[in-house]
Amino acid sequence: MNRWILLLLIAFFVVGCGSPKPKRRAEKPRETPAPAAKEEAPEPEEKLEEEYVYSPVGKRDPFRPYLNRFVPGPAVAPDPLCGPLCQWDLDQLRLVGIVSGLASPVAMVEDPKGNGHTVRRGTSIGKGNGKVTEILRDRIIVTEYRRLGTGEVVPVETELPLRGAGKSAQEEEPENLLVTEDGEPIVASD
């Protein structure tokens, strides 16, 4: 039995080792005369296709890590008169109240120790030497200047919302909402 299998395998091997058959040449198609057209139609203009040229201007390099974009540390020299608010990061501070409607609105920020600090426009706040640029009804906007990896200094705006969970006064339940005589909501702190 094994002898037959061996002979069969040798036969397949010998047949498989043969040279391939030569390929037939393709015949050229015969040219037939085209019927004469009475009117020659104008040939459509050839549309020139513009070659695509990649321009990396204004695009992020996908092979450079995003984390290297900002250089650690502030871009501006630290203000020695900054006060206690400059020892905390902005995400550690909590906005607890805003008094708006004045020519110079005032906000109250609470640090992680539970101490309250009043801030106005221009007050230095945060470890990144940020300044309060706007005080709105439901949040304050702090602008910090960061140095990019290229050496360029760019402003980065950060919002501190009044509500700790990110809720605005409109999302609160109606019994907790104070309203003026005109129907305008009064933003109150917890």
N, C-alpha and C. Protein backbone atom coordinates (compact mmCIF):
# COMPACT_ATOMS: atom_id res chain seq x y z
N MET A 1 0.82 -1.19 0.00
CA MET A 1 0.00 0.00 0.00
C MET A 1 0.87 1.25 0.00
N ASN A 2 1.89 1.24 0.85
CA ASN A 2 2.78 2.40 0.91
C ASN A 2 3.55 2.58 -0.40
N ARG A 3 3.83 1.44 -1.05
CA ARG A 3 4.56 1.51 -2.30
C ARG A 3 3.72 2.22 -3.37
N TRP A 4 2.43 1.95 -3.40
CA TRP A 4 1.54 2.59 -4.38
C TRP A 4 1.43 4.10 -4.13
N ILE A 5 1.36 4.48 -2.89
CA ILE A 5 1.27 5.91 -2.56
C ILE A 5 2.55 6.62 -2.97
N LEU A 6 3.69 5.95 -2.75
CA LEU A 6 4.96 6.53 -3.12
C LEU A 6 5.07 6.67 -4.64
N LEU A 7 4.65 5.66 -5.39
CA LEU A 7 4.69 5.73 -6.85
C LEU A 7 3.74 6.82 -7.37
N LEU A 8 2.60 6.96 -6.74
CA LEU A 8 1.64 7.99 -7.14
C LEU A 8 2.20 9.39 -6.90
N LEU A 9 2.86 9.61 -5.80
CA LEU A 9 3.47 10.91 -5.50
C LEU A 9 4.59 11.23 -6.48
N ILE A 10 5.40 10.21 -6.84
CA ILE A 10 6.48 10.43 -7.80
C ILE A 10 5.90 10.78 -9.17
N ALA A 11 4.80 10.15 -9.55
CA ALA A 11 4.17 10.44 -10.84
C ALA A 11 3.64 11.88 -10.87
N PHE A 12 3.02 12.31 -9.81
CA PHE A 12 2.53 13.70 -9.75
C PHE A 12 3.69 14.69 -9.81
N PHE A 13 4.78 14.34 -9.17
CA PHE A 13 5.96 15.21 -9.17
C PHE A 13 6.54 15.34 -10.57
N VAL A 14 6.64 14.24 -11.28
CA VAL A 14 7.20 14.25 -12.63
C VAL A 14 6.30 15.04 -13.56
N VAL A 15 5.01 14.87 -13.46
CA VAL A 15 4.07 15.61 -14.31
C VAL A 15 4.11 17.10 -13.98
N GLY A 16 4.23 17.41 -12.73
CA GLY A 16 4.25 18.82 -12.31
C GLY A 16 5.53 19.53 -12.70
N CYS A 17 6.60 18.81 -12.95
CA CYS A 17 7.87 19.44 -13.30
C CYS A 17 8.00 19.74 -14.79
N GLY A 18 7.02 19.42 -15.58
CA GLY A 18 7.10 19.66 -17.01
C GLY A 18 7.15 21.15 -17.31
N SER A 19 7.64 21.50 -18.51
CA SER A 19 7.73 22.91 -18.88
C SER A 19 6.34 23.43 -19.24
N PRO A 20 6.10 24.70 -19.00
CA PRO A 20 4.78 25.26 -19.30
C PRO A 20 4.60 25.39 -20.80
N LYS A 21 3.35 25.36 -21.23
CA LYS A 21 3.04 25.49 -22.65
C LYS A 21 3.29 26.93 -23.06
N PRO A 22 3.79 27.15 -24.28
CA PRO A 22 4.00 28.53 -24.73
C PRO A 22 2.66 29.24 -24.91
N LYS A 23 2.66 30.52 -24.60
CA LYS A 23 1.44 31.30 -24.71
C LYS A 23 1.22 31.70 -26.16
N ARG A 24 -0.02 31.76 -26.55
CA ARG A 24 -0.35 32.18 -27.90
C ARG A 24 -0.29 33.68 -27.97
N ARG A 25 0.17 34.15 -29.10
CA ARG A 25 0.22 35.59 -29.29
C ARG A 25 -1.18 36.09 -29.63
N ALA A 26 -1.48 37.24 -29.11
CA ALA A 26 -2.79 37.83 -29.40
C ALA A 26 -2.77 38.40 -30.80
N GLU A 27 -3.83 38.12 -31.53
CA GLU A 27 -3.92 38.65 -32.88
C GLU A 27 -4.31 40.11 -32.83
N LYS A 28 -3.76 40.87 -33.76
CA LYS A 28 -4.12 42.28 -33.83
C LYS A 28 -5.52 42.39 -34.41
N PRO A 29 -6.34 43.25 -33.82
CA PRO A 29 -7.69 43.41 -34.37
C PRO A 29 -7.61 44.08 -35.74
N ARG A 30 -8.47 43.63 -36.61
CA ARG A 30 -8.48 44.20 -37.94
C ARG A 30 -9.14 45.57 -37.90
N GLU A 31 -8.54 46.46 -38.65
CA GLU A 31 -9.09 47.81 -38.70
C GLU A 31 -10.18 47.85 -39.76
N THR A 32 -11.33 48.30 -39.35
CA THR A 32 -12.43 48.46 -40.30
C THR A 32 -12.60 49.93 -40.56
N PRO A 33 -12.85 50.29 -41.77
CA PRO A 33 -13.01 51.71 -42.05
C PRO A 33 -14.27 52.24 -41.38
N ALA A 34 -14.12 53.39 -40.74
CA ALA A 34 -15.25 54.01 -40.05
C ALA A 34 -16.16 54.65 -41.08
N PRO A 35 -17.47 54.60 -40.85
CA PRO A 35 -18.37 55.25 -41.79
C PRO A 35 -18.11 56.75 -41.80
N ALA A 36 -18.14 57.32 -42.98
CA ALA A 36 -17.85 58.75 -43.11
C ALA A 36 -18.97 59.55 -42.47
N ALA A 37 -18.60 60.46 -41.59
CA ALA A 37 -19.59 61.30 -40.92
C ALA A 37 -19.86 62.51 -41.78
N LYS A 38 -21.12 62.90 -41.84
CA LYS A 38 -21.49 64.05 -42.66
C LYS A 38 -20.98 65.32 -42.01
N GLU A 39 -21.17 65.44 -40.73
CA GLU A 39 -20.69 66.62 -40.02
C GLU A 39 -19.70 66.16 -38.96
N GLU A 40 -18.64 66.88 -38.89
CA GLU A 40 -17.67 66.53 -37.86
C GLU A 40 -18.05 67.26 -36.58
N ALA A 41 -18.27 66.51 -35.53
CA ALA A 41 -18.62 67.12 -34.25
C ALA A 41 -17.36 67.69 -33.63
N PRO A 42 -17.49 68.88 -33.00
CA PRO A 42 -16.29 69.44 -32.37
C PRO A 42 -15.85 68.55 -31.21
N GLU A 43 -14.57 68.37 -31.12
CA GLU A 43 -14.04 67.54 -30.05
C GLU A 43 -14.17 68.28 -28.72
N PRO A 44 -14.59 67.56 -27.68
CA PRO A 44 -14.69 68.24 -26.38
C PRO A 44 -13.31 68.63 -25.88
N GLU A 45 -13.27 69.78 -25.21
CA GLU A 45 -11.99 70.26 -24.70
C GLU A 45 -11.50 69.32 -23.60
N GLU A 46 -10.25 69.08 -23.61
CA GLU A 46 -9.68 68.22 -22.59
C GLU A 46 -9.61 68.98 -21.27
N LYS A 47 -10.08 68.34 -20.24
CA LYS A 47 -10.02 68.95 -18.92
C LYS A 47 -8.66 68.65 -18.31
N LEU A 48 -7.99 69.68 -17.95
CA LEU A 48 -6.69 69.49 -17.32
C LEU A 48 -6.90 69.19 -15.85
N GLU A 49 -6.38 68.09 -15.43
CA GLU A 49 -6.49 67.73 -14.03
C GLU A 49 -5.30 68.33 -13.30
N GLU A 50 -5.63 69.04 -12.23
CA GLU A 50 -4.56 69.64 -11.43
C GLU A 50 -3.95 68.56 -10.54
N GLU A 51 -2.66 68.58 -10.47
CA GLU A 51 -2.00 67.64 -9.59
C GLU A 51 -2.15 68.11 -8.16
N TYR A 52 -2.40 67.17 -7.25
CA TYR A 52 -2.54 67.50 -5.85
C TYR A 52 -1.15 67.65 -5.24
N VAL A 53 -0.94 68.77 -4.58
CA VAL A 53 0.33 69.02 -3.90
C VAL A 53 0.01 69.20 -2.42
N TYR A 54 0.60 68.38 -1.59
CA TYR A 54 0.36 68.45 -0.15
C TYR A 54 1.09 69.64 0.44
N SER A 55 0.34 70.42 1.22
CA SER A 55 0.93 71.57 1.91
C SER A 55 0.74 71.37 3.41
N PRO A 56 1.81 71.21 4.17
CA PRO A 56 1.67 70.98 5.60
C PRO A 56 1.43 72.24 6.42
N VAL A 57 1.27 73.38 5.77
CA VAL A 57 1.10 74.64 6.48
C VAL A 57 -0.22 74.61 7.25
N GLY A 58 -0.17 74.88 8.53
CA GLY A 58 -1.35 74.93 9.37
C GLY A 58 -1.88 73.57 9.80
N LYS A 59 -1.19 72.51 9.48
CA LYS A 59 -1.63 71.17 9.85
C LYS A 59 -0.70 70.60 10.90
N ARG A 60 -1.28 69.78 11.76
CA ARG A 60 -0.52 69.16 12.83
C ARG A 60 0.29 68.00 12.26
N ASP A 61 1.53 67.88 12.73
CA ASP A 61 2.38 66.77 12.31
C ASP A 61 1.94 65.53 13.08
N PRO A 62 1.45 64.49 12.40
CA PRO A 62 0.93 63.32 13.12
C PRO A 62 2.02 62.49 13.79
N PHE A 63 3.27 62.76 13.49
CA PHE A 63 4.35 61.98 14.06
C PHE A 63 5.00 62.65 15.27
N ARG A 64 4.52 63.83 15.64
CA ARG A 64 5.03 64.51 16.83
C ARG A 64 3.99 64.40 17.93
N PRO A 65 4.38 64.04 19.13
CA PRO A 65 3.40 63.88 20.20
C PRO A 65 2.79 65.22 20.61
N TYR A 66 1.50 65.17 20.93
CA TYR A 66 0.78 66.37 21.33
C TYR A 66 1.26 66.88 22.69
N LEU A 67 1.72 65.98 23.54
CA LEU A 67 2.12 66.37 24.89
C LEU A 67 3.32 67.30 24.89
N ASN A 68 4.13 67.28 23.85
CA ASN A 68 5.29 68.16 23.79
C ASN A 68 4.93 69.55 23.30
N ARG A 69 3.65 69.79 23.06
CA ARG A 69 3.23 71.08 22.53
C ARG A 69 3.50 72.20 23.53
N PHE A 70 3.18 71.95 24.79
CA PHE A 70 3.39 72.96 25.82
C PHE A 70 4.66 72.65 26.60
N VAL A 71 5.44 73.68 26.82
CA VAL A 71 6.64 73.55 27.62
C VAL A 71 6.22 73.72 29.07
N PRO A 72 6.68 72.87 29.97
CA PRO A 72 6.27 73.01 31.36
C PRO A 72 6.70 74.36 31.94
N GLY A 73 5.85 74.85 32.81
CA GLY A 73 6.16 76.11 33.46
C GLY A 73 5.48 77.28 32.78
N PRO A 74 5.35 78.37 33.49
CA PRO A 74 4.67 79.53 32.93
C PRO A 74 5.53 80.24 31.89
N ALA A 75 4.87 80.93 30.97
CA ALA A 75 5.58 81.68 29.94
C ALA A 75 5.94 83.07 30.44
N VAL A 76 5.21 83.54 31.43
CA VAL A 76 5.44 84.87 31.98
C VAL A 76 6.10 84.70 33.35
N ALA A 77 6.96 85.63 33.70
CA ALA A 77 7.63 85.56 35.00
C ALA A 77 6.59 85.64 36.12
N PRO A 78 6.75 84.84 37.17
CA PRO A 78 5.77 84.85 38.26
C PRO A 78 5.69 86.22 38.93
N ASP A 79 4.45 86.57 39.27
CA ASP A 79 4.19 87.85 39.93
C ASP A 79 4.43 87.67 41.43
N PRO A 80 5.38 88.40 42.03
CA PRO A 80 5.65 88.21 43.46
C PRO A 80 4.50 88.70 44.34
N LEU A 81 3.64 89.57 43.82
CA LEU A 81 2.52 90.09 44.59
C LEU A 81 1.22 89.34 44.30
N CYS A 82 1.32 88.15 43.79
CA CYS A 82 0.14 87.40 43.37
C CYS A 82 -0.76 87.04 44.54
N GLY A 83 -0.20 86.63 45.61
CA GLY A 83 -1.01 86.29 46.76
C GLY A 83 -1.28 84.80 46.86
N PRO A 84 -2.22 84.42 47.74
CA PRO A 84 -2.46 83.00 48.00
C PRO A 84 -3.14 82.27 46.85
N LEU A 85 -3.79 82.96 45.93
CA LEU A 85 -4.47 82.29 44.82
C LEU A 85 -3.50 81.69 43.81
N CYS A 86 -2.27 82.13 43.81
CA CYS A 86 -1.29 81.63 42.83
C CYS A 86 -0.63 80.33 43.25
N GLN A 87 -0.93 79.83 44.43
CA GLN A 87 -0.34 78.57 44.86
C GLN A 87 -1.21 77.37 44.47
N TRP A 88 -2.39 77.63 43.87
CA TRP A 88 -3.30 76.56 43.48
C TRP A 88 -3.48 76.54 41.96
N ASP A 89 -3.67 75.33 41.41
CA ASP A 89 -4.04 75.21 40.00
C ASP A 89 -5.48 75.66 39.83
N LEU A 90 -5.84 76.03 38.61
CA LEU A 90 -7.20 76.51 38.36
C LEU A 90 -8.24 75.43 38.60
N ASP A 91 -7.91 74.17 38.32
CA ASP A 91 -8.89 73.11 38.53
C ASP A 91 -9.09 72.78 40.00
N GLN A 92 -8.23 73.29 40.88
CA GLN A 92 -8.40 73.08 42.31
C GLN A 92 -9.29 74.16 42.94
N LEU A 93 -9.44 75.27 42.27
CA LEU A 93 -10.25 76.37 42.79
C LEU A 93 -11.70 76.18 42.39
N ARG A 94 -12.62 76.67 43.24
CA ARG A 94 -14.05 76.53 42.98
C ARG A 94 -14.71 77.89 43.08
N LEU A 95 -15.46 78.24 42.05
CA LEU A 95 -16.18 79.51 42.03
C LEU A 95 -17.47 79.33 42.82
N VAL A 96 -17.64 80.12 43.89
CA VAL A 96 -18.80 79.94 44.77
C VAL A 96 -19.80 81.07 44.69
N GLY A 97 -19.42 82.22 44.14
CA GLY A 97 -20.39 83.31 44.05
C GLY A 97 -19.92 84.41 43.12
N ILE A 98 -20.92 85.10 42.53
CA ILE A 98 -20.64 86.22 41.64
C ILE A 98 -21.61 87.34 41.96
N VAL A 99 -21.08 88.55 42.08
CA VAL A 99 -21.91 89.74 42.22
C VAL A 99 -21.73 90.51 40.92
N SER A 100 -22.75 90.43 40.06
CA SER A 100 -22.66 91.13 38.78
C SER A 100 -23.69 92.25 38.76
N GLY A 101 -23.71 93.00 37.69
CA GLY A 101 -24.62 94.13 37.61
C GLY A 101 -23.95 95.41 38.09
N LEU A 102 -22.73 95.31 38.53
CA LEU A 102 -21.97 96.48 38.95
C LEU A 102 -21.03 96.89 37.83
N ALA A 103 -20.48 98.07 37.93
CA ALA A 103 -19.49 98.50 36.94
C ALA A 103 -18.26 97.60 37.00
N SER A 104 -17.92 97.17 38.20
CA SER A 104 -16.80 96.26 38.38
C SER A 104 -17.31 95.01 39.11
N PRO A 105 -17.72 93.96 38.36
CA PRO A 105 -18.25 92.77 39.03
C PRO A 105 -17.19 92.08 39.89
N VAL A 106 -17.66 91.39 40.91
CA VAL A 106 -16.79 90.72 41.87
C VAL A 106 -17.22 89.25 41.94
N ALA A 107 -16.24 88.36 42.08
CA ALA A 107 -16.53 86.94 42.24
C ALA A 107 -15.80 86.42 43.46
N MET A 108 -16.31 85.33 44.01
CA MET A 108 -15.67 84.71 45.17
C MET A 108 -15.23 83.31 44.78
N VAL A 109 -13.95 83.03 45.03
CA VAL A 109 -13.35 81.74 44.70
C VAL A 109 -12.92 81.08 46.00
N GLU A 110 -13.16 79.77 46.09
CA GLU A 110 -12.79 79.02 47.29
C GLU A 110 -11.63 78.10 46.95
N ASP A 111 -10.60 78.11 47.80
CA ASP A 111 -9.45 77.23 47.58
C ASP A 111 -9.72 75.87 48.23
N PRO A 112 -8.86 74.88 48.02
CA PRO A 112 -9.10 73.54 48.58
C PRO A 112 -9.15 73.51 50.10
N LYS A 113 -8.56 74.48 50.76
CA LYS A 113 -8.60 74.52 52.23
C LYS A 113 -9.92 75.08 52.74
N GLY A 114 -10.75 75.63 51.85
CA GLY A 114 -12.03 76.18 52.26
C GLY A 114 -12.00 77.68 52.48
N ASN A 115 -10.87 78.33 52.22
CA ASN A 115 -10.78 79.78 52.38
C ASN A 115 -11.36 80.47 51.15
N GLY A 116 -12.10 81.55 51.36
CA GLY A 116 -12.69 82.30 50.26
C GLY A 116 -11.82 83.49 49.89
N HIS A 117 -11.77 83.80 48.59
CA HIS A 117 -10.99 84.92 48.08
C HIS A 117 -11.84 85.67 47.07
N THR A 118 -11.84 86.99 47.14
CA THR A 118 -12.58 87.78 46.16
C THR A 118 -11.65 88.11 44.99
N VAL A 119 -12.22 88.07 43.79
CA VAL A 119 -11.46 88.38 42.59
C VAL A 119 -12.23 89.39 41.75
N ARG A 120 -11.50 90.21 41.04
CA ARG A 120 -12.05 91.18 40.08
C ARG A 120 -11.32 90.99 38.77
N ARG A 121 -11.71 91.74 37.75
CA ARG A 121 -10.97 91.70 36.49
C ARG A 121 -9.54 92.15 36.74
N GLY A 122 -8.58 91.39 36.20
CA GLY A 122 -7.18 91.73 36.36
C GLY A 122 -6.51 91.07 37.54
N THR A 123 -7.26 90.35 38.38
CA THR A 123 -6.68 89.66 39.53
C THR A 123 -5.86 88.46 39.06
N SER A 124 -4.66 88.31 39.60
CA SER A 124 -3.82 87.15 39.28
C SER A 124 -4.36 85.93 40.01
N ILE A 125 -4.41 84.80 39.27
CA ILE A 125 -5.00 83.59 39.85
C ILE A 125 -4.37 82.37 39.18
N GLY A 126 -4.10 81.33 39.94
CA GLY A 126 -3.58 80.07 39.41
C GLY A 126 -2.07 80.02 39.32
N LYS A 127 -1.54 78.79 39.25
CA LYS A 127 -0.10 78.59 39.16
C LYS A 127 0.48 79.04 37.83
N GLY A 128 -0.35 79.11 36.79
CA GLY A 128 0.13 79.50 35.47
C GLY A 128 0.13 81.00 35.26
N ASN A 129 0.12 81.78 36.35
CA ASN A 129 0.11 83.25 36.29
C ASN A 129 -1.03 83.77 35.42
N GLY A 130 -2.21 83.21 35.63
CA GLY A 130 -3.38 83.65 34.88
C GLY A 130 -3.95 84.93 35.47
N LYS A 131 -4.74 85.60 34.65
CA LYS A 131 -5.43 86.82 35.09
C LYS A 131 -6.90 86.64 34.77
N VAL A 132 -7.77 87.13 35.66
CA VAL A 132 -9.20 87.11 35.41
C VAL A 132 -9.48 88.16 34.34
N THR A 133 -9.99 87.72 33.19
CA THR A 133 -10.24 88.66 32.09
C THR A 133 -11.71 89.04 31.99
N GLU A 134 -12.62 88.14 32.41
CA GLU A 134 -14.05 88.45 32.35
C GLU A 134 -14.75 87.81 33.53
N ILE A 135 -15.73 88.52 34.05
CA ILE A 135 -16.61 87.96 35.07
C ILE A 135 -18.02 88.05 34.50
N LEU A 136 -18.59 86.90 34.20
CA LEU A 136 -19.94 86.83 33.62
C LEU A 136 -20.92 86.40 34.71
N ARG A 137 -22.19 86.26 34.34
CA ARG A 137 -23.21 85.93 35.33
C ARG A 137 -23.04 84.54 35.92
N ASP A 138 -22.51 83.60 35.12
CA ASP A 138 -22.44 82.23 35.59
C ASP A 138 -21.04 81.63 35.58
N ARG A 139 -20.03 82.42 35.24
CA ARG A 139 -18.66 81.90 35.18
C ARG A 139 -17.67 83.05 35.12
N ILE A 140 -16.40 82.71 35.39
CA ILE A 140 -15.33 83.68 35.16
C ILE A 140 -14.38 83.07 34.14
N ILE A 141 -13.72 83.94 33.39
CA ILE A 141 -12.78 83.49 32.37
C ILE A 141 -11.39 83.96 32.78
N VAL A 142 -10.47 83.00 32.86
CA VAL A 142 -9.09 83.26 33.26
C VAL A 142 -8.20 83.02 32.04
N THR A 143 -7.33 83.98 31.74
CA THR A 143 -6.41 83.85 30.61
C THR A 143 -5.00 83.63 31.13
N GLU A 144 -4.41 82.51 30.70
CA GLU A 144 -3.02 82.20 31.04
C GLU A 144 -2.22 82.23 29.74
N TYR A 145 -0.96 82.56 29.84
CA TYR A 145 -0.09 82.58 28.66
C TYR A 145 0.87 81.41 28.77
N ARG A 146 0.81 80.53 27.75
CA ARG A 146 1.65 79.33 27.74
C ARG A 146 2.64 79.42 26.59
N ARG A 147 3.80 78.85 26.81
CA ARG A 147 4.83 78.82 25.77
C ARG A 147 4.74 77.47 25.05
N LEU A 148 4.62 77.53 23.72
CA LEU A 148 4.59 76.31 22.91
C LEU A 148 5.99 75.74 22.80
N GLY A 149 6.09 74.53 22.28
CA GLY A 149 7.39 73.89 22.07
C GLY A 149 8.25 74.66 21.09
N THR A 150 7.62 75.46 20.22
CA THR A 150 8.36 76.26 19.25
C THR A 150 8.89 77.55 19.85
N GLY A 151 8.49 77.86 21.08
CA GLY A 151 8.93 79.09 21.72
C GLY A 151 7.89 80.20 21.64
N GLU A 152 6.83 79.99 20.87
CA GLU A 152 5.78 80.99 20.72
C GLU A 152 4.90 81.01 21.96
N VAL A 153 4.51 82.19 22.42
CA VAL A 153 3.66 82.34 23.59
C VAL A 153 2.23 82.58 23.11
N VAL A 154 1.29 81.73 23.57
CA VAL A 154 -0.11 81.85 23.15
C VAL A 154 -1.00 81.98 24.38
N PRO A 155 -2.10 82.74 24.27
CA PRO A 155 -3.05 82.83 25.38
C PRO A 155 -3.95 81.59 25.42
N VAL A 156 -4.21 81.09 26.61
CA VAL A 156 -5.10 79.95 26.81
C VAL A 156 -6.17 80.40 27.79
N GLU A 157 -7.44 80.38 27.32
CA GLU A 157 -8.54 80.80 28.19
C GLU A 157 -9.14 79.59 28.88
N THR A 158 -9.41 79.74 30.19
CA THR A 158 -10.02 78.69 30.99
C THR A 158 -11.24 79.28 31.67
N GLU A 159 -12.34 78.53 31.66
CA GLU A 159 -13.56 78.99 32.31
C GLU A 159 -13.72 78.28 33.65
N LEU A 160 -14.07 79.04 34.66
CA LEU A 160 -14.44 78.47 35.95
C LEU A 160 -15.95 78.66 36.09
N PRO A 161 -16.74 77.57 36.01
CA PRO A 161 -18.19 77.72 36.11
C PRO A 161 -18.62 77.95 37.55
N LEU A 162 -19.77 78.59 37.72
CA LEU A 162 -20.27 78.88 39.05
C LEU A 162 -20.71 77.61 39.76
N ARG A 163 -21.34 76.71 39.05
CA ARG A 163 -21.81 75.46 39.66
C ARG A 163 -20.69 74.44 39.63
N GLY A 164 -20.51 73.72 40.74
CA GLY A 164 -19.45 72.72 40.82
C GLY A 164 -19.65 71.58 39.85
N ALA A 165 -20.91 71.19 39.59
CA ALA A 165 -21.18 70.07 38.69
C ALA A 165 -21.37 70.54 37.26
N GLY A 166 -21.15 71.82 36.98
CA GLY A 166 -21.29 72.32 35.63
C GLY A 166 -22.71 72.73 35.29
N LYS A 167 -23.62 72.77 36.27
CA LYS A 167 -25.00 73.16 35.99
C LYS A 167 -25.10 74.67 35.96
N SER A 168 -25.90 75.15 35.05
CA SER A 168 -26.17 76.59 35.02
C SER A 168 -27.43 76.85 35.82
N ALA A 169 -27.75 78.11 36.01
CA ALA A 169 -28.92 78.48 36.80
C ALA A 169 -30.21 78.00 36.13
N GLN A 170 -30.24 77.89 34.81
CA GLN A 170 -31.44 77.44 34.11
C GLN A 170 -31.67 75.95 34.30
N GLU A 171 -30.63 75.16 34.54
CA GLU A 171 -30.77 73.72 34.70
C GLU A 171 -31.17 73.33 36.11
N GLU A 172 -31.11 74.25 37.06
CA GLU A 172 -31.48 73.94 38.43
C GLU A 172 -32.98 73.79 38.55
N GLU A 173 -33.42 73.16 39.62
CA GLU A 173 -34.84 73.00 39.85
C GLU A 173 -35.47 74.36 40.16
N PRO A 174 -36.74 74.58 39.76
CA PRO A 174 -37.37 75.90 39.92
C PRO A 174 -37.43 76.39 41.36
N GLU A 175 -37.57 75.51 42.36
CA GLU A 175 -37.66 76.00 43.73
C GLU A 175 -36.35 76.60 44.23
N ASN A 176 -35.22 76.26 43.61
CA ASN A 176 -33.93 76.81 44.01
C ASN A 176 -33.57 78.06 43.22
N LEU A 177 -34.41 78.46 42.27
CA LEU A 177 -34.10 79.56 41.38
C LEU A 177 -34.74 80.84 41.90
N LEU A 178 -33.93 81.86 42.13
CA LEU A 178 -34.43 83.17 42.55
C LEU A 178 -34.62 84.03 41.32
N VAL A 179 -35.74 84.78 41.28
CA VAL A 179 -36.07 85.57 40.11
C VAL A 179 -36.36 87.00 40.55
N THR A 180 -35.88 87.99 39.76
CA THR A 180 -36.17 89.39 40.04
C THR A 180 -37.57 89.73 39.59
N GLU A 181 -38.00 90.98 39.82
CA GLU A 181 -39.34 91.41 39.40
C GLU A 181 -39.49 91.35 37.88
N ASP A 182 -38.40 91.53 37.17
CA ASP A 182 -38.44 91.50 35.70
C ASP A 182 -38.45 90.07 35.15
N GLY A 183 -38.30 89.07 36.00
CA GLY A 183 -38.27 87.69 35.55
C GLY A 183 -36.87 87.18 35.25
N GLU A 184 -35.84 87.97 35.50
CA GLU A 184 -34.46 87.56 35.27
C GLU A 184 -34.00 86.68 36.44
N PRO A 185 -33.35 85.55 36.16
CA PRO A 185 -32.87 84.70 37.26
C PRO A 185 -31.70 85.36 37.99
N ILE A 186 -31.68 85.18 39.29
CA ILE A 186 -30.57 85.66 40.12
C ILE A 186 -29.69 84.45 40.41
N VAL A 187 -28.43 84.58 40.07
CA VAL A 187 -27.50 83.48 40.29
C VAL A 187 -27.05 83.54 41.73
N ALA A 188 -27.36 82.47 42.48
CA ALA A 188 -27.00 82.42 43.89
C ALA A 188 -26.04 81.26 44.11
N SER A 189 -25.18 81.41 45.08
CA SER A 189 -24.22 80.34 45.38
C SER A 189 -24.81 79.41 46.43
N ASP A 190 -24.21 78.21 46.52
CA ASP A 190 -24.68 77.21 47.49
C ASP A 190 -24.35 77.64 48.88
